[in-house]
Protein backbone atom coordinates (compact mmCIF):
# COMPACT_ATOMS: atom_id res chain seq x y z
CA MET A 1 36.22 6.26 0.00
CA ILE A 2 34.08 8.37 2.55
CA TYR A 3 30.48 6.21 1.30
CA LEU A 4 27.72 9.11 2.15
CA ASP A 5 24.88 7.45 -0.05
CA ASN A 6 23.40 5.34 3.00
CA ALA A 7 19.84 6.87 1.98
CA ALA A 8 20.43 4.92 -0.81
CA THR A 9 22.19 1.30 0.58
CA THR A 10 24.25 1.07 3.51
CA PHE A 11 27.48 0.12 3.61
CA PRO A 12 29.61 -1.51 4.82
CA LYS A 13 27.01 -3.89 6.34
CA PRO A 14 27.37 -5.26 10.21
CA GLU A 15 29.92 -8.13 9.75
CA CYS A 16 27.49 -10.60 11.55
CA VAL A 17 25.54 -10.45 7.67
CA TYR A 18 28.31 -11.13 5.92
CA LYS A 19 29.53 -14.19 8.00
CA THR A 20 25.35 -15.39 8.31
CA MET A 21 25.15 -15.27 4.55
CA ASP A 22 28.01 -16.92 3.91
CA GLU A 23 27.63 -19.51 6.18
CA PHE A 24 24.18 -20.28 4.52
CA LEU A 25 25.00 -20.30 1.15
CA ARG A 26 28.02 -22.93 1.84
CA GLU A 27 26.10 -25.44 4.52
CA LYS A 28 21.89 -25.03 3.92
CA CYS A 29 20.52 -22.86 0.81
CA ALA A 30 18.69 -25.34 -1.01
CA ASN A 31 14.90 -24.63 -2.40
CA PRO A 32 12.73 -24.30 0.45
CA GLY A 33 9.43 -26.29 1.45
CA ARG A 34 9.69 -28.02 -2.00
CA ALA A 35 11.19 -31.50 -0.86
CA GLY A 36 11.94 -33.38 2.33
CA HIS A 37 15.47 -33.48 2.70
CA HIS A 38 17.26 -32.01 5.61
CA MET A 39 18.44 -29.10 3.51
CA SER A 40 15.25 -28.18 2.10
CA VAL A 41 13.34 -28.00 5.52
CA GLU A 42 16.06 -26.68 7.46
CA THR A 43 16.29 -23.19 4.72
CA GLU A 44 12.33 -23.48 5.06
CA GLN A 45 13.40 -23.11 9.04
CA GLU A 46 15.64 -20.35 8.26
CA ILE A 47 13.32 -18.44 6.69
CA GLU A 48 10.15 -18.85 8.99
CA LYS A 49 12.76 -17.43 11.45
CA SER A 50 13.42 -14.92 9.73
CA ARG A 51 9.65 -14.01 9.36
CA VAL A 52 8.89 -14.16 13.13
CA THR A 53 12.07 -11.77 13.53
CA VAL A 54 10.90 -9.23 10.94
CA ALA A 55 7.30 -9.49 12.58
CA ARG A 56 8.15 -9.14 16.11
CA PHE A 57 10.72 -6.11 15.14
CA LEU A 58 7.41 -4.02 13.84
CA GLY A 59 4.59 -5.14 16.45
CA ILE A 60 3.18 -7.39 13.96
CA LYS A 61 1.53 -9.71 16.40
CA THR A 62 0.50 -12.62 12.97
CA PRO A 63 3.94 -13.23 11.37
CA GLU A 64 2.58 -14.58 8.05
CA ARG A 65 1.46 -11.49 7.34
CA MET A 66 4.74 -10.61 6.63
CA ILE A 67 5.32 -10.95 3.54
CA PHE A 68 8.77 -11.35 1.83
CA THR A 69 9.10 -9.31 -1.35
CA CYS A 70 12.21 -8.22 -3.77
CA ASN A 71 12.42 -4.49 -2.20
CA ALA A 72 10.22 -1.83 -1.00
CA THR A 73 9.49 -1.18 -4.97
CA ASP A 74 7.97 -4.69 -5.44
CA ALA A 75 5.97 -4.80 -1.74
CA LEU A 76 4.15 -1.31 -2.72
CA ASN A 77 3.22 -2.75 -6.38
CA MET A 78 2.24 -5.87 -4.17
CA GLY A 79 -0.03 -3.55 -2.33
CA ILE A 80 -1.65 -1.23 -3.96
CA LYS A 81 -2.48 -2.77 -7.13
CA GLY A 82 -3.48 -6.36 -5.19
CA LEU A 83 -6.43 -3.70 -2.97
CA LEU A 84 -7.58 -1.16 -5.68
CA SER A 85 -10.69 -2.01 -8.15
CA GLU A 86 -11.80 0.37 -10.64
CA GLY A 87 -13.65 3.51 -9.43
CA ASP A 88 -11.13 4.02 -6.13
CA HIS A 89 -10.08 7.04 -4.84
CA VAL A 90 -6.90 7.50 -3.31
CA ILE A 91 -5.20 10.34 -1.16
CA THR A 92 -0.84 10.29 -1.02
CA THR A 93 1.66 13.43 -0.77
CA ARG A 94 3.85 15.22 -3.16
CA LEU A 95 6.50 14.00 -0.75
CA GLU A 96 6.12 10.26 -2.40
CA HIS A 97 9.33 7.87 -4.07
CA ASN A 98 8.19 7.15 -7.82
CA SER A 99 7.30 3.34 -6.09
CA VAL A 100 4.26 4.71 -4.85
CA SER A 101 3.37 7.50 -7.01
CA ARG A 102 4.10 5.66 -11.00
CA PRO A 103 1.82 2.32 -9.47
CA LEU A 104 -0.50 5.19 -8.67
CA LYS A 105 0.01 7.75 -11.94
CA GLY A 106 -0.21 4.70 -14.06
CA LEU A 107 -3.84 3.43 -12.77
CA GLU A 108 -4.87 6.68 -12.93
CA ASN A 109 -3.65 7.08 -16.70
CA ARG A 110 -5.37 4.55 -17.17
CA GLY A 111 -8.78 5.74 -15.91
CA LEU A 112 -9.34 3.16 -13.27
CA ILE A 113 -8.50 5.45 -9.92
CA THR A 114 -8.43 8.46 -8.95
CA VAL A 115 -5.97 10.56 -6.77
CA THR A 116 -5.28 13.64 -4.38
CA TRP A 117 -2.10 14.57 -4.07
CA VAL A 118 -1.46 16.73 -0.49
CA ASN A 119 0.75 19.42 -0.29
CA ASN A 120 3.48 19.68 2.32
CA SER A 121 4.87 22.53 4.31
CA ASP A 122 7.86 24.23 3.26
CA GLU A 123 10.09 22.20 5.19
CA GLY A 124 8.37 18.98 3.84
CA PHE A 125 5.84 17.83 6.51
CA VAL A 126 2.33 16.64 6.01
CA THR A 127 -0.47 16.92 8.60
CA ALA A 128 -3.28 14.74 9.01
CA ASP A 129 -5.74 17.21 9.26
CA ASP A 130 -5.04 17.96 5.20
CA ILE A 131 -5.24 13.93 4.68
CA LYS A 132 -8.66 14.28 6.80
CA SER A 133 -9.97 17.19 4.40
CA ALA A 134 -9.08 15.02 1.02
CA ILE A 135 -11.10 11.83 2.14
CA ARG A 136 -14.28 11.50 -0.34
CA SER A 137 -16.78 9.03 -0.41
CA ASN A 138 -14.95 5.96 -2.19
CA THR A 139 -11.46 6.68 -0.46
CA LYS A 140 -10.19 3.30 -0.29
CA LEU A 141 -6.16 4.08 0.29
CA ILE A 142 -4.06 6.58 1.81
CA VAL A 143 -0.51 5.64 0.62
CA CYS A 144 2.36 7.88 2.07
CA THR A 145 6.10 8.26 3.32
CA HIS A 146 7.45 7.83 6.97
CA ALA A 147 10.27 10.03 5.49
CA SER A 148 11.40 11.90 2.69
CA ASN A 149 14.32 10.19 0.84
CA VAL A 150 14.45 13.77 -0.68
CA LEU A 151 14.49 15.82 2.83
CA GLY A 152 14.58 13.53 5.16
CA THR A 153 11.41 14.72 7.25
CA ILE A 154 9.45 11.75 9.24
CA GLN A 155 5.45 12.34 8.56
CA PRO A 156 3.17 11.99 11.39
CA ILE A 157 2.08 8.60 10.54
CA LYS A 158 0.11 7.61 14.01
CA ALA A 159 -2.13 10.91 13.45
CA ILE A 160 -2.75 9.80 9.94
CA GLY A 161 -3.40 6.43 10.78
CA GLU A 162 -5.85 7.33 12.97
CA VAL A 163 -7.72 9.69 10.53
CA ALA A 164 -7.99 6.29 8.27
CA ARG A 165 -8.84 3.98 10.85
CA LYS A 166 -11.66 6.29 11.87
CA SER A 167 -13.04 6.81 8.49
CA ASP A 168 -12.53 3.08 7.82
CA LEU A 169 -9.89 3.20 5.31
CA ILE A 170 -6.77 1.87 4.54
CA PHE A 171 -3.47 3.01 5.59
CA MET A 172 -0.38 2.05 3.63
CA VAL A 173 3.49 3.36 5.05
CA ASP A 174 6.22 3.61 2.82
CA ALA A 175 8.87 2.32 5.25
CA ALA A 176 12.14 2.53 3.03
CA GLN A 177 13.67 5.33 4.98
CA THR A 178 12.88 4.33 7.77
CA MET A 179 13.10 0.72 8.89
CA GLY A 180 15.58 0.09 11.02
CA VAL A 181 16.03 3.76 12.08
CA VAL A 182 12.67 4.81 13.24
CA SER A 183 10.65 3.35 16.01
CA ILE A 184 7.69 1.35 14.03
CA ASP A 185 4.68 -0.54 15.51
CA VAL A 186 2.18 -1.29 12.69
CA GLU A 187 -0.83 -1.66 15.66
CA ASP A 188 0.14 1.71 17.67
CA GLN A 189 0.55 3.75 14.74
CA TYR A 190 -2.98 2.00 13.08
CA ILE A 191 -1.19 0.47 10.17
CA ASP A 192 -2.82 -1.63 7.55
CA MET A 193 0.28 -2.12 5.04
CA LEU A 194 3.93 -1.68 5.96
CA ALA A 195 6.37 -1.74 2.66
CA PHE A 196 10.21 -2.07 3.70
CA THR A 197 13.35 -2.81 1.97
CA GLY A 198 16.30 -4.63 3.72
CA HIS A 199 18.75 -2.91 1.92
CA LYS A 200 19.11 0.53 3.65
CA GLY A 201 18.04 0.70 7.74
CA PRO A 202 17.88 -2.48 8.83
CA PHE A 203 21.83 -3.41 6.88
CA GLY A 204 20.62 -6.26 4.78
CA PRO A 205 21.57 -7.32 1.22
CA PRO A 206 19.61 -5.84 -2.35
CA GLY A 207 16.99 -8.03 -2.78
CA CYS A 208 14.80 -8.33 -0.19
CA GLY A 209 12.37 -6.88 1.38
CA GLY A 210 9.05 -6.74 3.09
CA LEU A 211 5.28 -6.36 3.27
CA TYR A 212 3.16 -6.51 5.91
CA VAL A 213 -0.42 -7.38 5.03
CA GLY A 214 -3.05 -6.23 8.15
CA GLU A 215 -6.07 -8.28 8.84
CA ARG A 216 -8.47 -5.55 7.25
CA VAL A 217 -6.43 -5.77 4.17
CA GLU A 218 -7.30 -8.28 1.26
CA LEU A 219 -5.65 -8.30 -1.70
CA LYS A 220 -5.13 -9.94 -5.22
CA ALA A 221 -1.87 -12.08 -5.50
CA TRP A 222 0.83 -9.82 -7.18
CA ARG A 223 2.05 -12.77 -8.66
CA GLU A 224 0.89 -16.35 -9.09
CA GLY A 225 2.74 -20.06 -9.45
CA GLY A 226 5.34 -22.58 -6.79
CA THR A 227 4.63 -22.16 -3.93
CA GLY A 228 5.52 -25.58 -2.20
CA PHE A 229 1.87 -25.22 -0.31
CA GLU A 230 -0.97 -27.15 -2.21
CA PRO A 231 1.07 -27.63 -5.18
CA GLU A 232 -2.15 -29.90 -6.04
CA ASN A 233 -4.13 -26.95 -6.11
CA LEU A 234 -5.03 -25.27 -10.13
CA LEU A 235 -5.34 -21.96 -8.35
CA GLN A 236 -3.12 -19.93 -6.08
CA PRO A 237 -3.23 -20.72 -2.31
CA ASP A 238 -5.57 -18.16 -0.25
CA SER A 239 -4.20 -18.47 2.67
CA LEU A 240 -0.90 -15.96 3.83
CA PRO A 241 1.86 -15.76 3.33
CA TYR A 242 1.98 -18.45 0.27
CA LYS A 243 -0.95 -16.46 -1.31
CA LEU A 244 1.83 -13.22 -2.27
CA GLU A 245 5.28 -15.38 -2.14
CA SER A 246 5.25 -17.24 -5.38
CA GLY A 247 8.48 -18.73 -6.97
CA THR A 248 11.90 -19.26 -5.60
CA PRO A 249 12.76 -16.62 -2.48
CA ASN A 250 16.18 -14.87 -1.96
CA SER A 251 16.48 -17.45 0.87
CA VAL A 252 20.08 -16.20 1.50
CA GLY A 253 18.78 -12.39 1.39
CA ILE A 254 16.06 -13.16 3.65
CA VAL A 255 18.56 -14.57 6.62
CA GLY A 256 21.09 -11.38 5.85
CA LEU A 257 17.56 -9.59 6.85
CA ARG A 258 17.46 -10.96 10.02
CA ALA A 259 21.12 -10.77 10.69
CA GLY A 260 21.16 -6.94 10.06
CA ILE A 261 17.58 -7.00 12.28
CA GLU A 262 19.28 -8.88 14.76
CA PHE A 263 22.22 -6.43 14.91
CA CYS A 264 19.89 -2.83 14.77
CA ILE A 265 18.15 -4.47 17.93
CA LYS A 266 20.94 -5.33 19.62
CA GLU A 267 22.60 -1.65 18.76
CA GLY A 268 19.29 -0.04 19.66
CA ILE A 269 17.53 1.83 17.00
CA ASN A 270 17.83 4.83 18.92
CA LYS A 271 21.03 4.46 19.12
CA ILE A 272 21.64 4.14 15.30
CA LYS A 273 19.63 7.30 14.77
CA GLU A 274 21.11 9.54 17.51
CA HIS A 275 24.48 8.72 15.93
CA GLU A 276 23.56 9.66 12.23
CA LEU A 277 21.55 12.65 13.07
CA LYS A 278 24.70 13.55 15.20
CA LEU A 279 26.51 13.24 12.48
CA ALA A 280 23.83 14.54 10.23
CA MET A 281 23.31 17.89 12.54
CA ARG A 282 26.97 19.07 12.22
CA LEU A 283 26.94 19.26 8.59
CA LEU A 284 23.60 21.52 8.68
CA ASN A 285 24.83 23.62 11.58
CA VAL A 286 28.10 24.33 9.59
CA LEU A 287 26.40 24.50 5.90
CA ASN A 288 23.06 26.46 7.04
CA SER A 289 25.14 29.41 8.17
CA ASP A 290 27.16 30.11 4.70
CA ASP A 291 25.19 31.96 2.55
CA ARG A 292 27.03 29.53 -0.47
CA PHE A 293 24.94 26.58 0.47
CA GLU A 294 20.93 26.39 -0.35
CA ILE A 295 19.63 23.96 2.38
CA TYR A 296 16.46 22.07 1.99
CA GLY A 297 13.37 20.79 4.87
CA SER A 298 13.51 21.39 8.14
CA LEU A 299 16.63 21.63 10.44
CA ASP A 300 14.63 20.39 12.96
CA GLU A 301 16.25 16.95 14.23
CA ASN A 302 13.70 15.54 16.43
CA ARG A 303 11.78 15.61 13.29
CA LYS A 304 13.91 14.20 10.88
CA VAL A 305 15.97 11.03 9.27
CA GLY A 306 20.08 11.57 8.88
CA ILE A 307 19.35 13.13 5.22
CA VAL A 308 20.94 16.70 4.61
CA SER A 309 20.12 17.90 0.76
CA LEU A 310 21.31 20.78 -0.54
CA ASN A 311 22.88 22.73 -3.46
CA ILE A 312 25.72 25.49 -3.69
CA GLU A 313 25.24 28.68 -5.59
CA GLY A 314 26.56 28.78 -9.13
CA LEU A 315 27.04 24.76 -9.63
CA GLN A 316 25.05 22.25 -10.74
CA PRO A 317 24.20 19.18 -8.34
CA GLY A 318 25.56 16.42 -10.71
CA ASP A 319 29.01 18.15 -10.76
CA VAL A 320 29.47 18.50 -7.07
CA GLY A 321 28.46 15.10 -6.77
CA ALA A 322 31.06 14.09 -9.46
CA ILE A 323 34.22 16.24 -8.12
CA LEU A 324 33.21 15.26 -4.25
CA ASP A 325 33.83 11.88 -5.90
CA THR A 326 36.87 12.37 -8.16
CA SER A 327 38.68 14.83 -5.96
CA PHE A 328 37.70 14.35 -2.83
CA ASN A 329 36.75 10.46 -3.00
CA ILE A 330 33.35 11.08 -1.72
CA ALA A 331 30.02 9.04 -2.63
CA VAL A 332 27.30 11.08 -2.72
CA ARG A 333 23.94 11.11 -4.26
CA SER A 334 22.99 13.67 -6.66
CA GLY A 335 20.08 14.52 -9.00
CA MET A 336 15.73 13.75 -8.82
CA HIS A 337 16.30 11.05 -6.09
CA CYS A 338 13.06 9.00 -7.88
CA ALA A 339 11.17 11.84 -6.66
CA PRO A 340 10.40 14.11 -9.35
CA TYR A 341 6.89 16.05 -7.30
CA ILE A 342 8.15 16.89 -4.23
CA HIS A 343 11.06 18.46 -6.64
CA ARG A 344 8.95 20.12 -8.40
CA GLU A 345 7.35 21.73 -5.11
CA ILE A 346 10.63 23.14 -3.83
CA GLY A 347 11.67 24.22 -7.38
CA THR A 348 14.56 21.61 -7.82
CA PHE A 349 13.27 20.42 -10.72
CA PRO A 350 14.83 19.10 -12.98
CA GLN A 351 18.59 19.18 -12.13
CA GLY A 352 17.20 18.17 -8.26
CA MET A 353 19.95 18.53 -5.57
CA VAL A 354 22.98 16.60 -3.59
CA ARG A 355 21.87 14.43 -0.77
CA ILE A 356 24.18 13.50 1.91
CA SER A 357 23.42 10.57 3.83
CA PRO A 358 25.73 9.94 6.95
CA GLY A 359 25.58 5.88 8.07
CA TYR A 360 25.85 4.29 11.27
CA PHE A 361 29.65 3.10 10.45
CA ASN A 362 30.40 6.68 9.43
CA THR A 363 32.67 9.32 11.58
CA ILE A 364 32.97 12.50 12.50
CA GLY A 365 36.49 12.95 10.97
CA GLU A 366 34.54 11.89 7.56
CA ILE A 367 32.18 14.54 7.75
CA GLU A 368 34.47 17.27 8.66
CA GLU A 369 36.23 16.35 5.31
CA THR A 370 33.22 16.48 4.07
CA ILE A 371 32.46 19.67 4.94
CA TYR A 372 36.13 20.66 3.81
CA GLY A 373 35.81 19.39 0.56
CA LEU A 374 32.24 21.22 0.10
CA LYS A 375 33.49 24.29 0.76
CA GLU A 376 36.40 24.02 -1.55
CA ILE A 377 34.03 23.00 -4.46
CA ALA A 378 32.07 26.15 -3.51
CA ASP A 379 35.46 28.73 -2.94
CA ARG A 380 36.62 27.19 -7.07
CA SER A 381 33.58 28.01 -8.33
CA ILE A 382 34.02 31.31 -6.82
CA GLU A 383 37.51 31.91 -8.22
CA ASP A 384 36.30 30.32 -11.86
CA ARG A 385 33.10 32.84 -11.81
CA ASN A 386 35.80 35.98 -11.37
């Protein structure tokens, strides 16, 4: 199998991730912070070690403000619903994944908040000026993706963060497509909340992620229950991270996430990004010169992550994905990618497109095989129509 669906989940994982998780499950995996025996204590220590690792990776000065979550969707819901109150106004973009747009749309439909959806350019970029123009007297939150999961376009989050900070607004970033691939510093980029998942760029397993909660942010608890901290308190603890971390954590996933991030640090995220972009740009440069392929998004490698989105003339994207899978043993993602707003914007709603996302462990040879497969599919389509 040539796996080119890394924007959904990276595969394979580095060997260190498999090894770390296996050893942890066999030797430590007790319930952290709930007992005084050494396995429980060691498990808690492993989680806190992971928290510090993630915090340093993101430029977070206070590790307890790095909250472990189930995934980016969990983190985004925790931040959005924990922050907003009735009457608040939110600014977001049409590039967003449903993990942002659905919570906002749900609150808006219940009459609790109002939302402004900022448009993007044809290539898939928003501007800080357009964000600034949307600010109202009751604006509370600006939330946007760091890089589009459909087009791969990287947004100017530092410039947007500056707008938010000067207007005393909270700025939240969805880093699902950039964590582990693009440099992030929450202090330098004026980020108040950052949501990420562990199973993509950080090379962690499914079921782990995180939310950074900055000092300017006060959230209502997303869930309440056992924390192993202040068990005598009838109410949820008010101190972080316990306020936002209830229930037995995915400890094996958290240590796997740490191992993946340590791999990113060792390899260097610039090296990882450059490799993925090299493969993506090879695809783009070949297919963009072929009129049978419609390419979406920017061709500027300095403003994108390794995502290539396309359609083939005369074919449905779902059919292209199925043929690549069954006839060429190539895995890609077809459809709407849980982002209907941007598909409406670029005219690919409701059929979507074919998304090809090379990863760090893919090779140029696999990309050449993919190019061959796509051209064969295009050739057969013409023959069938004739």
